[in-house]
Amino acid sequence: MLNLEKVVCKFCKKYFYKQVRHINENRKLGYNFFCSKICESRFRTKRVALICENFLCQNKLFRVPGHFSPHNYCSQSCAATISNRSVNRTAKLKNPPKVCKIRNCNKEFYGNKQQVYCSRICAASTKKKDPKIVEKEVLEELSKFWIQNGRIPVKREMYGLYKKARSFYSTWNKAVEAAGFKPNPVMFAKKYISRDGHKCDSLAEKIIDDWFYYKNISHKRSVPYPEFKKMTCDFVTNNFFIEFFGLEGQHKEYTKIVYKKRRLSKKYKIKLIEIKPSDLFPKNKLDQVLNFLT
């Protein structure tokens, strides 16, 4: 049978039993008695147990005396709860309640002198335009662009108009149809004829082809690459291969073809000129990109 003796915990003052041989050893070495490792750890630390000052919480928290503050809370949420109560109470005492200026809201709130809306949602709603005004702007801008250019604008040319059209009509094609024009919903489905009669796969290619026409630069369309007759270049002039890489990074297969054309150009020492969408939209920069041809 174990020889036990009752001792008291140094931290929590609780009585517990311990073997006599351990008691004698602790007394010889000058050690204290603890009922558990938790009590031993808390006794050795300098942290002091406090109670959260949020009356709805009142959880225990431990802090070093040097980290005490006038008000001690266990978390930021508890501190914010008490702080917001005091701020709202002060606002109610200093200022009478206000009424939100939005007609459909009319909610009472407390705030500073400059605040006239009860929330950010109400404030943002005042900045929205009347849907009828937005519809009128979209249709007028589309008609104006068609008269000046004889075609429908692409998103990159009039991104501000594109956003307005999407907000009212939900899609760009519906806005184009509402303006009385025919959209091109399928990629590469519509062919464009340039000024010199060349058939182009996209509007961007037509713009480039027309630029050659107005600059009186002779050029060829759809010239095959060496070894690959089915893989053609958009334009060839003065031994320069000129490509419009409009969908690079957007379509996986298209991007693979772009990389393949670049490898072939290096292999056969072809002078490849790449034109990006940013070179055409929203502003045509072909005069700067292809100025060496003029």
C-alpha atoms as a PDB file:
ATOM      1  CA  MET A   1       0.000   0.000   0.000  1.00  0.00           C
ATOM      2  CA  LEU A   2       1.274   3.463  -0.935  1.00  0.00           C
ATOM      3  CA  ASN A   3       2.300   5.737   1.920  1.00  0.00           C
ATOM      4  CA  LEU A   4       0.346   8.979   1.191  1.00  0.00           C
ATOM      5  CA  GLU A   5       0.160  12.271   2.962  1.00  0.00           C
ATOM      6  CA  LYS A   6      -2.129  15.304   2.467  1.00  0.00           C
ATOM      7  CA  VAL A   7      -0.522  18.504   1.135  1.00  0.00           C
ATOM      8  CA  VAL A   8      -1.892  21.836  -0.166  1.00  0.00           C
ATOM      9  CA  CYS A   9      -1.453  23.206  -3.713  1.00  0.00           C
ATOM     10  CA  LYS A  10       0.646  26.370  -3.764  1.00  0.00           C
ATOM     11  CA  PHE A  11      -1.527  27.997  -6.480  1.00  0.00           C
ATOM     12  CA  CYS A  12      -5.167  27.017  -5.953  1.00  0.00           C
ATOM     13  CA  LYS A  13      -4.869  26.092  -2.210  1.00  0.00           C
ATOM     14  CA  LYS A  14      -6.571  22.783  -2.870  1.00  0.00           C
ATOM     15  CA  TYR A  15      -5.697  19.720  -0.717  1.00  0.00           C
ATOM     16  CA  PHE A  16      -4.512  16.568  -2.431  1.00  0.00           C
ATOM     17  CA  TYR A  17      -2.543  13.392  -1.559  1.00  0.00           C
ATOM     18  CA  LYS A  18       1.047  12.731  -2.549  1.00  0.00           C
ATOM     19  CA  GLN A  19       3.549   9.972  -1.771  1.00  0.00           C
ATOM     20  CA  VAL A  20       5.693  10.631   1.304  1.00  0.00           C
ATOM     21  CA  ARG A  21       8.959   9.958  -0.552  1.00  0.00           C
ATOM     22  CA  HIS A  22       8.057  12.642  -3.112  1.00  0.00           C
ATOM     23  CA  ILE A  23       7.078  15.033  -0.340  1.00  0.00           C
ATOM     24  CA  ASN A  24      10.411  14.568   1.428  1.00  0.00           C
ATOM     25  CA  GLU A  25      12.291  15.037  -1.854  1.00  0.00           C
ATOM     26  CA  ASN A  26      10.413  18.284  -2.666  1.00  0.00           C
ATOM     27  CA  ARG A  27      11.031  19.682   0.816  1.00  0.00           C
ATOM     28  CA  LYS A  28      14.727  18.785   0.639  1.00  0.00           C
ATOM     29  CA  LEU A  29      15.107  20.581  -2.711  1.00  0.00           C
ATOM     30  CA  GLY A  30      12.841  23.468  -1.732  1.00  0.00           C
ATOM     31  CA  TYR A  31      10.142  22.733  -4.321  1.00  0.00           C
ATOM     32  CA  ASN A  32       6.475  23.731  -3.952  1.00  0.00           C
ATOM     33  CA  PHE A  33       3.516  21.377  -4.231  1.00  0.00           C
ATOM     34  CA  PHE A  34       1.030  21.615  -7.118  1.00  0.00           C
ATOM     35  CA  CYS A  35      -2.085  19.550  -7.725  1.00  0.00           C
ATOM     36  CA  SER A  36      -1.679  19.681 -11.536  1.00  0.00           C
ATOM     37  CA  LYS A  37       0.587  20.926 -14.309  1.00  0.00           C
ATOM     38  CA  ILE A  38      -1.895  23.723 -15.033  1.00  0.00           C
ATOM     39  CA  CYS A  39      -1.535  25.112 -11.500  1.00  0.00           C
ATOM     40  CA  GLU A  40       2.239  24.786 -11.735  1.00  0.00           C
ATOM     41  CA  SER A  41       2.291  26.682 -15.058  1.00  0.00           C
ATOM     42  CA  ARG A  42      -0.006  29.444 -13.812  1.00  0.00           C
ATOM     43  CA  PHE A  43       1.998  29.855 -10.605  1.00  0.00           C
ATOM     44  CA  ARG A  44       5.258  30.305 -12.513  1.00  0.00           C
ATOM     45  CA  THR A  45       3.877  32.821 -15.005  1.00  0.00           C
ATOM     46  CA  LYS A  46       3.487  36.462 -14.105  1.00  0.00           C
ATOM     47  CA  ARG A  47       0.111  36.735 -15.796  1.00  0.00           C
ATOM     48  CA  VAL A  48      -2.853  37.719 -13.657  1.00  0.00           C
ATOM     49  CA  ALA A  49      -6.370  36.363 -14.086  1.00  0.00           C
ATOM     50  CA  LEU A  50      -8.946  39.050 -14.995  1.00  0.00           C
ATOM     51  CA  ILE A  51     -12.605  39.028 -15.973  1.00  0.00           C
ATOM     52  CA  CYS A  52     -13.834  40.526 -19.241  1.00  0.00           C
ATOM     53  CA  GLU A  53     -15.632  43.815 -18.558  1.00  0.00           C
ATOM     54  CA  ASN A  54     -18.326  43.047 -21.127  1.00  0.00           C
ATOM     55  CA  PHE A  55     -21.250  42.121 -18.848  1.00  0.00           C
ATOM     56  CA  LEU A  56     -22.631  39.790 -21.537  1.00  0.00           C
ATOM     57  CA  CYS A  57     -19.368  37.829 -21.668  1.00  0.00           C
ATOM     58  CA  GLN A  58     -17.405  37.860 -18.374  1.00  0.00           C
ATOM     59  CA  ASN A  59     -14.887  35.283 -19.577  1.00  0.00           C
ATOM     60  CA  LYS A  60     -11.539  34.888 -17.818  1.00  0.00           C
ATOM     61  CA  LEU A  61      -8.440  36.375 -19.415  1.00  0.00           C
ATOM     62  CA  PHE A  62      -4.781  36.415 -18.314  1.00  0.00           C
ATOM     63  CA  ARG A  63      -2.484  39.416 -18.717  1.00  0.00           C
ATOM     64  CA  VAL A  64       0.910  40.518 -17.506  1.00  0.00           C
ATOM     65  CA  PRO A  65       0.586  43.466 -15.058  1.00  0.00           C
ATOM     66  CA  GLY A  66       2.448  45.737 -17.494  1.00  0.00           C
ATOM     67  CA  HIS A  67      -0.260  45.078 -20.127  1.00  0.00           C
ATOM     68  CA  PHE A  68      -3.184  46.146 -17.973  1.00  0.00           C
ATOM     69  CA  SER A  69      -5.448  48.824 -19.476  1.00  0.00           C
ATOM     70  CA  PRO A  70      -8.230  50.997 -17.979  1.00  0.00           C
ATOM     71  CA  HIS A  71     -10.727  48.539 -19.514  1.00  0.00           C
ATOM     72  CA  ASN A  72      -9.835  44.884 -20.112  1.00  0.00           C
ATOM     73  CA  TYR A  73     -11.740  42.762 -22.626  1.00  0.00           C
ATOM     74  CA  CYS A  74     -11.147  39.184 -23.756  1.00  0.00           C
ATOM     75  CA  SER A  75     -11.517  40.026 -27.474  1.00  0.00           C
ATOM     76  CA  GLN A  76     -11.920  42.880 -29.959  1.00  0.00           C
ATOM     77  CA  SER A  77     -15.588  42.050 -30.471  1.00  0.00           C
ATOM     78  CA  CYS A  78     -16.300  42.542 -26.744  1.00  0.00           C
ATOM     79  CA  ALA A  79     -14.440  45.860 -26.780  1.00  0.00           C
ATOM     80  CA  ALA A  80     -16.306  46.979 -29.924  1.00  0.00           C
ATOM     81  CA  THR A  81     -19.668  46.071 -28.365  1.00  0.00           C
ATOM     82  CA  ILE A  82     -19.101  48.326 -25.353  1.00  0.00           C
ATOM     83  CA  SER A  83     -17.495  51.064 -27.471  1.00  0.00           C
ATOM     84  CA  ASN A  84     -20.396  51.178 -29.930  1.00  0.00           C
ATOM     85  CA  ARG A  85     -22.891  51.357 -27.098  1.00  0.00           C
ATOM     86  CA  SER A  86     -21.139  54.367 -25.615  1.00  0.00           C
ATOM     87  CA  VAL A  87     -20.759  56.099 -29.014  1.00  0.00           C
ATOM     88  CA  ASN A  88     -24.422  55.601 -29.869  1.00  0.00           C
ATOM     89  CA  ARG A  89     -25.465  56.767 -26.410  1.00  0.00           C
ATOM     90  CA  THR A  90     -23.362  59.938 -26.774  1.00  0.00           C
ATOM     91  CA  ALA A  91     -24.754  60.597 -30.246  1.00  0.00           C
ATOM     92  CA  LYS A  92     -28.315  60.207 -28.978  1.00  0.00           C
ATOM     93  CA  LEU A  93     -27.662  62.664 -26.153  1.00  0.00           C
ATOM     94  CA  LYS A  94     -25.975  65.290 -28.352  1.00  0.00           C
ATOM     95  CA  ASN A  95     -28.039  65.040 -31.563  1.00  0.00           C
ATOM     96  CA  PRO A  96     -31.713  64.251 -32.205  1.00  0.00           C
ATOM     97  CA  PRO A  97     -32.505  61.347 -34.563  1.00  0.00           C
ATOM     98  CA  LYS A  98     -32.378  62.034 -38.324  1.00  0.00           C
ATOM     99  CA  VAL A  99     -34.564  60.668 -41.102  1.00  0.00           C
ATOM    100  CA  CYS A 100     -32.975  59.059 -44.173  1.00  0.00           C
ATOM    101  CA  LYS A 101     -33.501  61.185 -47.295  1.00  0.00           C
ATOM    102  CA  ILE A 102     -34.395  58.209 -49.480  1.00  0.00           C
ATOM    103  CA  ARG A 103     -38.150  58.287 -50.079  1.00  0.00           C
ATOM    104  CA  ASN A 104     -38.726  54.567 -49.808  1.00  0.00           C
ATOM    105  CA  CYS A 105     -36.600  54.295 -46.658  1.00  0.00           C
ATOM    106  CA  ASN A 106     -37.488  57.062 -44.150  1.00  0.00           C
ATOM    107  CA  LYS A 107     -35.531  55.228 -41.455  1.00  0.00           C
ATOM    108  CA  GLU A 108     -34.458  57.111 -38.314  1.00  0.00           C
ATOM    109  CA  PHE A 109     -30.756  57.021 -37.401  1.00  0.00           C
ATOM    110  CA  TYR A 110     -28.129  58.803 -35.292  1.00  0.00           C
ATOM    111  CA  GLY A 111     -25.035  60.250 -36.940  1.00  0.00           C
ATOM    112  CA  ASN A 112     -22.842  63.286 -37.454  1.00  0.00           C
ATOM    113  CA  LYS A 113     -24.010  66.564 -38.982  1.00  0.00           C
ATOM    114  CA  GLN A 114     -22.876  65.685 -42.526  1.00  0.00           C
ATOM    115  CA  GLN A 115     -24.595  62.275 -42.629  1.00  0.00           C
ATOM    116  CA  VAL A 116     -27.937  62.341 -44.439  1.00  0.00           C
ATOM    117  CA  TYR A 117     -28.411  58.637 -45.319  1.00  0.00           C
ATOM    118  CA  CYS A 118     -28.918  55.767 -42.887  1.00  0.00           C
ATOM    119  CA  SER A 119     -26.546  53.366 -44.683  1.00  0.00           C
ATOM    120  CA  ARG A 120     -24.083  53.026 -47.563  1.00  0.00           C
ATOM    121  CA  ILE A 121     -26.726  51.204 -49.614  1.00  0.00           C
ATOM    122  CA  CYS A 122     -29.049  54.207 -49.477  1.00  0.00           C
ATOM    123  CA  ALA A 123     -26.181  56.592 -50.284  1.00  0.00           C
ATOM    124  CA  ALA A 124     -25.148  54.507 -53.327  1.00  0.00           C
ATOM    125  CA  SER A 125     -28.715  54.344 -54.648  1.00  0.00           C
ATOM    126  CA  THR A 126     -28.730  58.130 -55.180  1.00  0.00           C
ATOM    127  CA  LYS A 127     -25.820  57.848 -57.638  1.00  0.00           C
ATOM    128  CA  LYS A 128     -27.657  55.447 -59.930  1.00  0.00           C
ATOM    129  CA  LYS A 129     -29.123  56.928 -63.100  1.00  0.00           C
ATOM    130  CA  ASP A 130     -32.720  56.538 -64.175  1.00  0.00           C
ATOM    131  CA  PRO A 131     -32.966  53.382 -66.384  1.00  0.00           C
ATOM    132  CA  LYS A 132     -34.740  55.392 -69.098  1.00  0.00           C
ATOM    133  CA  ILE A 133     -31.819  57.846 -69.263  1.00  0.00           C
ATOM    134  CA  VAL A 134     -29.333  54.947 -69.490  1.00  0.00           C
ATOM    135  CA  GLU A 135     -31.355  53.340 -72.300  1.00  0.00           C
ATOM    136  CA  LYS A 136     -31.436  56.604 -74.252  1.00  0.00           C
ATOM    137  CA  GLU A 137     -27.658  57.123 -73.880  1.00  0.00           C
ATOM    138  CA  VAL A 138     -26.868  53.586 -75.082  1.00  0.00           C
ATOM    139  CA  LEU A 139     -29.069  53.786 -78.177  1.00  0.00           C
ATOM    140  CA  GLU A 140     -27.819  57.278 -79.110  1.00  0.00           C
ATOM    141  CA  GLU A 141     -24.135  56.300 -78.765  1.00  0.00           C
ATOM    142  CA  LEU A 142     -24.602  53.126 -80.835  1.00  0.00           C
ATOM    143  CA  SER A 143     -26.387  55.058 -83.602  1.00  0.00           C
ATOM    144  CA  LYS A 144     -23.744  57.791 -83.581  1.00  0.00           C
ATOM    145  CA  PHE A 145     -20.904  55.269 -83.870  1.00  0.00           C
ATOM    146  CA  TRP A 146     -22.675  53.467 -86.728  1.00  0.00           C
ATOM    147  CA  ILE A 147     -23.098  56.722 -88.682  1.00  0.00           C
ATOM    148  CA  GLN A 148     -19.407  57.634 -88.250  1.00  0.00           C
ATOM    149  CA  ASN A 149     -17.866  54.170 -88.864  1.00  0.00           C
ATOM    150  CA  GLY A 150     -20.502  52.090 -90.628  1.00  0.00           C
ATOM    151  CA  ARG A 151     -20.263  49.252 -88.115  1.00  0.00           C
ATOM    152  CA  ILE A 152     -21.044  48.268 -84.515  1.00  0.00           C
ATOM    153  CA  PRO A 153     -18.390  49.163 -81.891  1.00  0.00           C
ATOM    154  CA  VAL A 154     -16.570  46.386 -80.084  1.00  0.00           C
ATOM    155  CA  LYS A 155     -16.289  46.249 -76.302  1.00  0.00           C
ATOM    156  CA  ARG A 156     -12.684  47.488 -76.224  1.00  0.00           C
ATOM    157  CA  GLU A 157     -13.605  50.625 -78.170  1.00  0.00           C
ATOM    158  CA  MET A 158     -16.457  51.756 -75.908  1.00  0.00           C
ATOM    159  CA  TYR A 159     -16.113  49.939 -72.613  1.00  0.00           C
ATOM    160  CA  GLY A 160     -18.087  52.613 -70.730  1.00  0.00           C
ATOM    161  CA  LEU A 161     -21.017  52.162 -73.106  1.00  0.00           C
ATOM    162  CA  TYR A 162     -20.650  48.376 -72.845  1.00  0.00           C
ATOM    163  CA  LYS A 163     -21.090  48.537 -69.042  1.00  0.00           C
ATOM    164  CA  LYS A 164     -24.191  50.717 -69.368  1.00  0.00           C
ATOM    165  CA  ALA A 165     -25.673  48.372 -71.976  1.00  0.00           C
ATOM    166  CA  ARG A 166     -25.080  45.339 -69.750  1.00  0.00           C
ATOM    167  CA  SER A 167     -26.646  47.089 -66.746  1.00  0.00           C
ATOM    168  CA  PHE A 168     -29.885  47.825 -68.644  1.00  0.00           C
ATOM    169  CA  TYR A 169     -30.157  45.101 -71.323  1.00  0.00           C
ATOM    170  CA  SER A 170     -28.171  42.361 -69.495  1.00  0.00           C
ATOM    171  CA  THR A 171     -26.222  41.525 -72.720  1.00  0.00           C
ATOM    172  CA  TRP A 172     -24.428  43.545 -75.385  1.00  0.00           C
ATOM    173  CA  ASN A 173     -26.240  41.771 -78.251  1.00  0.00           C
ATOM    174  CA  LYS A 174     -29.648  42.744 -76.854  1.00  0.00           C
ATOM    175  CA  ALA A 175     -28.570  46.398 -76.744  1.00  0.00           C
ATOM    176  CA  VAL A 176     -27.386  46.205 -80.363  1.00  0.00           C
ATOM    177  CA  GLU A 177     -30.697  44.669 -81.439  1.00  0.00           C
ATOM    178  CA  ALA A 178     -32.644  47.361 -79.526  1.00  0.00           C
ATOM    179  CA  ALA A 179     -30.718  50.007 -81.476  1.00  0.00           C
ATOM    180  CA  GLY A 180     -31.900  48.399 -84.721  1.00  0.00           C
ATOM    181  CA  PHE A 181     -28.639  46.696 -85.739  1.00  0.00           C
ATOM    182  CA  LYS A 182     -27.697  43.063 -86.257  1.00  0.00           C
ATOM    183  CA  PRO A 183     -25.178  41.639 -83.773  1.00  0.00           C
ATOM    184  CA  ASN A 184     -22.562  38.990 -84.490  1.00  0.00           C
ATOM    185  CA  PRO A 185     -23.115  36.417 -81.690  1.00  0.00           C
ATOM    186  CA  VAL A 186     -20.796  33.655 -82.975  1.00  0.00           C
ATOM    187  CA  MET A 187     -17.021  34.114 -83.023  1.00  0.00           C
ATOM    188  CA  PHE A 188     -15.585  34.324 -86.570  1.00  0.00           C
ATOM    189  CA  ALA A 189     -19.074  33.639 -87.980  1.00  0.00           C
ATOM    190  CA  LYS A 190     -19.273  36.924 -89.852  1.00  0.00           C
ATOM    191  CA  LYS A 191     -16.764  37.717 -92.595  1.00  0.00           C
ATOM    192  CA  TYR A 192     -15.730  41.270 -93.414  1.00  0.00           C
ATOM    193  CA  ILE A 193     -14.784  42.574 -96.848  1.00  0.00           C
ATOM    194  CA  SER A 194     -11.988  45.150 -96.873  1.00  0.00           C
ATOM    195  CA  ARG A 195     -11.703  48.142 -99.213  1.00  0.00           C
ATOM    196  CA  ASP A 196      -9.516  46.228-101.658  1.00  0.00           C
ATOM    197  CA  GLY A 197     -11.876  43.204-101.733  1.00  0.00           C
ATOM    198  CA  HIS A 198      -9.981  40.884 -99.362  1.00  0.00           C
ATOM    199  CA  LYS A 199     -12.141  38.621 -97.185  1.00  0.00           C
ATOM    200  CA  CYS A 200     -11.243  39.068 -93.485  1.00  0.00           C
ATOM    201  CA  ASP A 201     -12.104  36.764 -90.592  1.00  0.00           C
ATOM    202  CA  SER A 202     -12.677  39.552 -88.081  1.00  0.00           C
ATOM    203  CA  LEU A 203     -13.264  43.275 -87.769  1.00  0.00           C
ATOM    204  CA  ALA A 204      -9.682  43.744 -86.520  1.00  0.00           C
ATOM    205  CA  GLU A 205      -8.264  42.147 -89.672  1.00  0.00           C
ATOM    206  CA  LYS A 206     -10.468  44.415 -91.804  1.00  0.00           C
ATOM    207  CA  ILE A 207      -9.103  47.496 -89.995  1.00  0.00           C
ATOM    208  CA  ILE A 208      -5.520  46.345 -90.674  1.00  0.00           C
ATOM    209  CA  ASP A 209      -6.282  45.523 -94.313  1.00  0.00           C
ATOM    210  CA  ASP A 210      -7.928  48.917 -94.846  1.00  0.00           C
ATOM    211  CA  TRP A 211      -4.871  50.587 -93.313  1.00  0.00           C
ATOM    212  CA  PHE A 212      -2.687  48.929 -96.012  1.00  0.00           C
ATOM    213  CA  TYR A 213      -5.180  50.096 -98.644  1.00  0.00           C
ATOM    214  CA  TYR A 214      -5.144  53.757 -97.556  1.00  0.00           C
ATOM    215  CA  LYS A 215      -1.325  53.734 -97.268  1.00  0.00           C
ATOM    216  CA  ASN A 216      -1.014  52.221-100.781  1.00  0.00           C
ATOM    217  CA  ILE A 217       1.030  49.279 -99.446  1.00  0.00           C
ATOM    218  CA  SER A 218       0.783  46.092-101.532  1.00  0.00           C
ATOM    219  CA  HIS A 219       0.065  43.044 -99.381  1.00  0.00           C
ATOM    220  CA  LYS A 220      -1.136  39.447 -99.521  1.00  0.00           C
ATOM    221  CA  ARG A 221      -3.690  37.623 -97.415  1.00  0.00           C
ATOM    222  CA  SER A 222      -3.550  34.113 -95.883  1.00  0.00           C
ATOM    223  CA  VAL A 223       0.009  33.188 -96.931  1.00  0.00           C
ATOM    224  CA  PRO A 224       0.972  29.673 -95.703  1.00  0.00           C
ATOM    225  CA  TYR A 225       3.934  29.086 -93.383  1.00  0.00           C
ATOM    226  CA  PRO A 226       6.794  26.798 -94.508  1.00  0.00           C
ATOM    227  CA  GLU A 227       6.022  23.065 -93.978  1.00  0.00           C
ATOM    228  CA  PHE A 228       2.419  23.838 -92.962  1.00  0.00           C
ATOM    229  CA  LYS A 229       0.167  24.811 -95.852  1.00  0.00           C
ATOM    230  CA  LYS A 230      -2.951  24.841 -93.660  1.00  0.00           C
ATOM    231  CA  MET A 231      -1.365  27.298 -91.204  1.00  0.00           C
ATOM    232  CA  THR A 232      -1.504  30.727 -92.818  1.00  0.00           C
ATOM    233  CA  CYS A 233      -0.341  34.216 -91.919  1.00  0.00           C
ATOM    234  CA  ASP A 234      -2.840  37.095 -91.863  1.00  0.00           C
ATOM    235  CA  PHE A 235      -0.793  39.523 -93.976  1.00  0.00           C
ATOM    236  CA  VAL A 236       2.529  39.449 -95.831  1.00  0.00           C
ATOM    237  CA  THR A 237       4.217  42.566 -97.224  1.00  0.00           C
ATOM    238  CA  ASN A 238       7.859  43.396 -97.995  1.00  0.00           C
ATOM    239  CA  ASN A 239       8.940  39.974 -96.635  1.00  0.00           C
ATOM    240  CA  PHE A 240       7.275  40.769 -93.275  1.00  0.00           C
ATOM    241  CA  PHE A 241       4.745  38.346 -91.795  1.00  0.00           C
ATOM    242  CA  ILE A 242       2.114  40.393 -89.934  1.00  0.00           C
ATOM    243  CA  GLU A 243      -0.224  38.603 -87.535  1.00  0.00           C
ATOM    244  CA  PHE A 244      -3.102  39.831 -85.389  1.00  0.00           C
ATOM    245  CA  PHE A 245      -3.064  37.740 -82.193  1.00  0.00           C
ATOM    246  CA  GLY A 246      -6.392  38.877 -80.747  1.00  0.00           C
ATOM    247  CA  LEU A 247      -7.289  35.839 -78.623  1.00  0.00           C
ATOM    248  CA  GLU A 248      -3.890  34.889 -77.196  1.00  0.00           C
ATOM    249  CA  GLY A 249      -4.281  33.826 -73.569  1.00  0.00           C
ATOM    250  CA  GLN A 250      -8.080  33.639 -73.873  1.00  0.00           C
ATOM    251  CA  HIS A 251      -8.473  30.391 -75.846  1.00  0.00           C
ATOM    252  CA  LYS A 252      -6.235  27.390 -75.273  1.00  0.00           C
ATOM    253  CA  GLU A 253      -6.104  26.060 -78.844  1.00  0.00           C
ATOM    254  CA  TYR A 254      -5.676  29.528 -80.317  1.00  0.00           C
ATOM    255  CA  THR A 255      -2.735  30.193 -77.959  1.00  0.00           C
ATOM    256  CA  LYS A 256      -1.079  26.916 -79.026  1.00  0.00           C
ATOM    257  CA  ILE A 257      -1.253  28.017 -82.671  1.00  0.00           C
ATOM    258  CA  VAL A 258       0.303  31.373 -81.756  1.00  0.00           C
ATOM    259  CA  TYR A 259       3.260  29.632 -80.062  1.00  0.00           C
ATOM    260  CA  LYS A 260       3.661  27.337 -83.064  1.00  0.00           C
ATOM    261  CA  LYS A 261       3.785  30.288 -85.478  1.00  0.00           C
ATOM    262  CA  ARG A 262       6.463  31.946 -83.352  1.00  0.00           C
ATOM    263  CA  ARG A 263       8.594  28.776 -83.366  1.00  0.00           C
ATOM    264  CA  LEU A 264       8.298  28.493 -87.145  1.00  0.00           C
ATOM    265  CA  SER A 265       9.286  32.148 -87.546  1.00  0.00           C
ATOM    266  CA  LYS A 266      12.463  31.598 -85.514  1.00  0.00           C
ATOM    267  CA  LYS A 267      13.281  28.367 -87.327  1.00  0.00           C
ATOM    268  CA  TYR A 268      13.002  29.875 -90.822  1.00  0.00           C
ATOM    269  CA  LYS A 269      14.189  33.363 -89.783  1.00  0.00           C
ATOM    270  CA  ILE A 270      10.889  34.986 -90.733  1.00  0.00           C
ATOM    271  CA  LYS A 271      10.390  38.611 -89.729  1.00  0.00           C
ATOM    272  CA  LEU A 272       7.195  38.306 -87.697  1.00  0.00           C
ATOM    273  CA  ILE A 273       5.291  41.443 -86.645  1.00  0.00           C
ATOM    274  CA  GLU A 274       2.656  40.891 -83.950  1.00  0.00           C
ATOM    275  CA  ILE A 275      -0.334  43.211 -83.566  1.00  0.00           C
ATOM    276  CA  LYS A 276      -2.239  43.157 -80.274  1.00  0.00           C
ATOM    277  CA  PRO A 277      -5.844  44.247 -79.552  1.00  0.00           C
ATOM    278  CA  SER A 278      -4.465  47.261 -77.638  1.00  0.00           C
ATOM    279  CA  ASP A 279      -2.907  48.450 -80.929  1.00  0.00           C
ATOM    280  CA  LEU A 280      -6.382  48.803 -82.448  1.00  0.00           C
ATOM    281  CA  PHE A 281      -8.792  49.438 -79.586  1.00  0.00           C
ATOM    282  CA  PRO A 282      -9.912  51.807 -78.222  1.00  0.00           C
ATOM    283  CA  LYS A 283      -7.539  53.912 -80.373  1.00  0.00           C
ATOM    284  CA  ASN A 284      -5.994  52.857 -83.677  1.00  0.00           C
ATOM    285  CA  LYS A 285      -2.171  52.886 -83.282  1.00  0.00           C
ATOM    286  CA  LEU A 286      -1.199  51.237 -86.572  1.00  0.00           C
ATOM    287  CA  ASP A 287       0.617  54.388 -87.686  1.00  0.00           C
ATOM    288  CA  GLN A 288       3.068  53.867 -84.816  1.00  0.00           C
ATOM    289  CA  VAL A 289       3.256  50.049 -84.974  1.00  0.00           C
ATOM    290  CA  LEU A 290       3.750  49.772 -88.759  1.00  0.00           C
ATOM    291  CA  ASN A 291       5.412  53.115 -89.467  1.00  0.00           C
ATOM    292  CA  PHE A 292       8.533  51.328 -90.843  1.00  0.00           C
ATOM    293  CA  LEU A 293       6.451  50.136 -93.828  1.00  0.00           C
ATOM    294  CA  THR A 294       5.485  53.624 -95.019  1.00  0.00           C
END
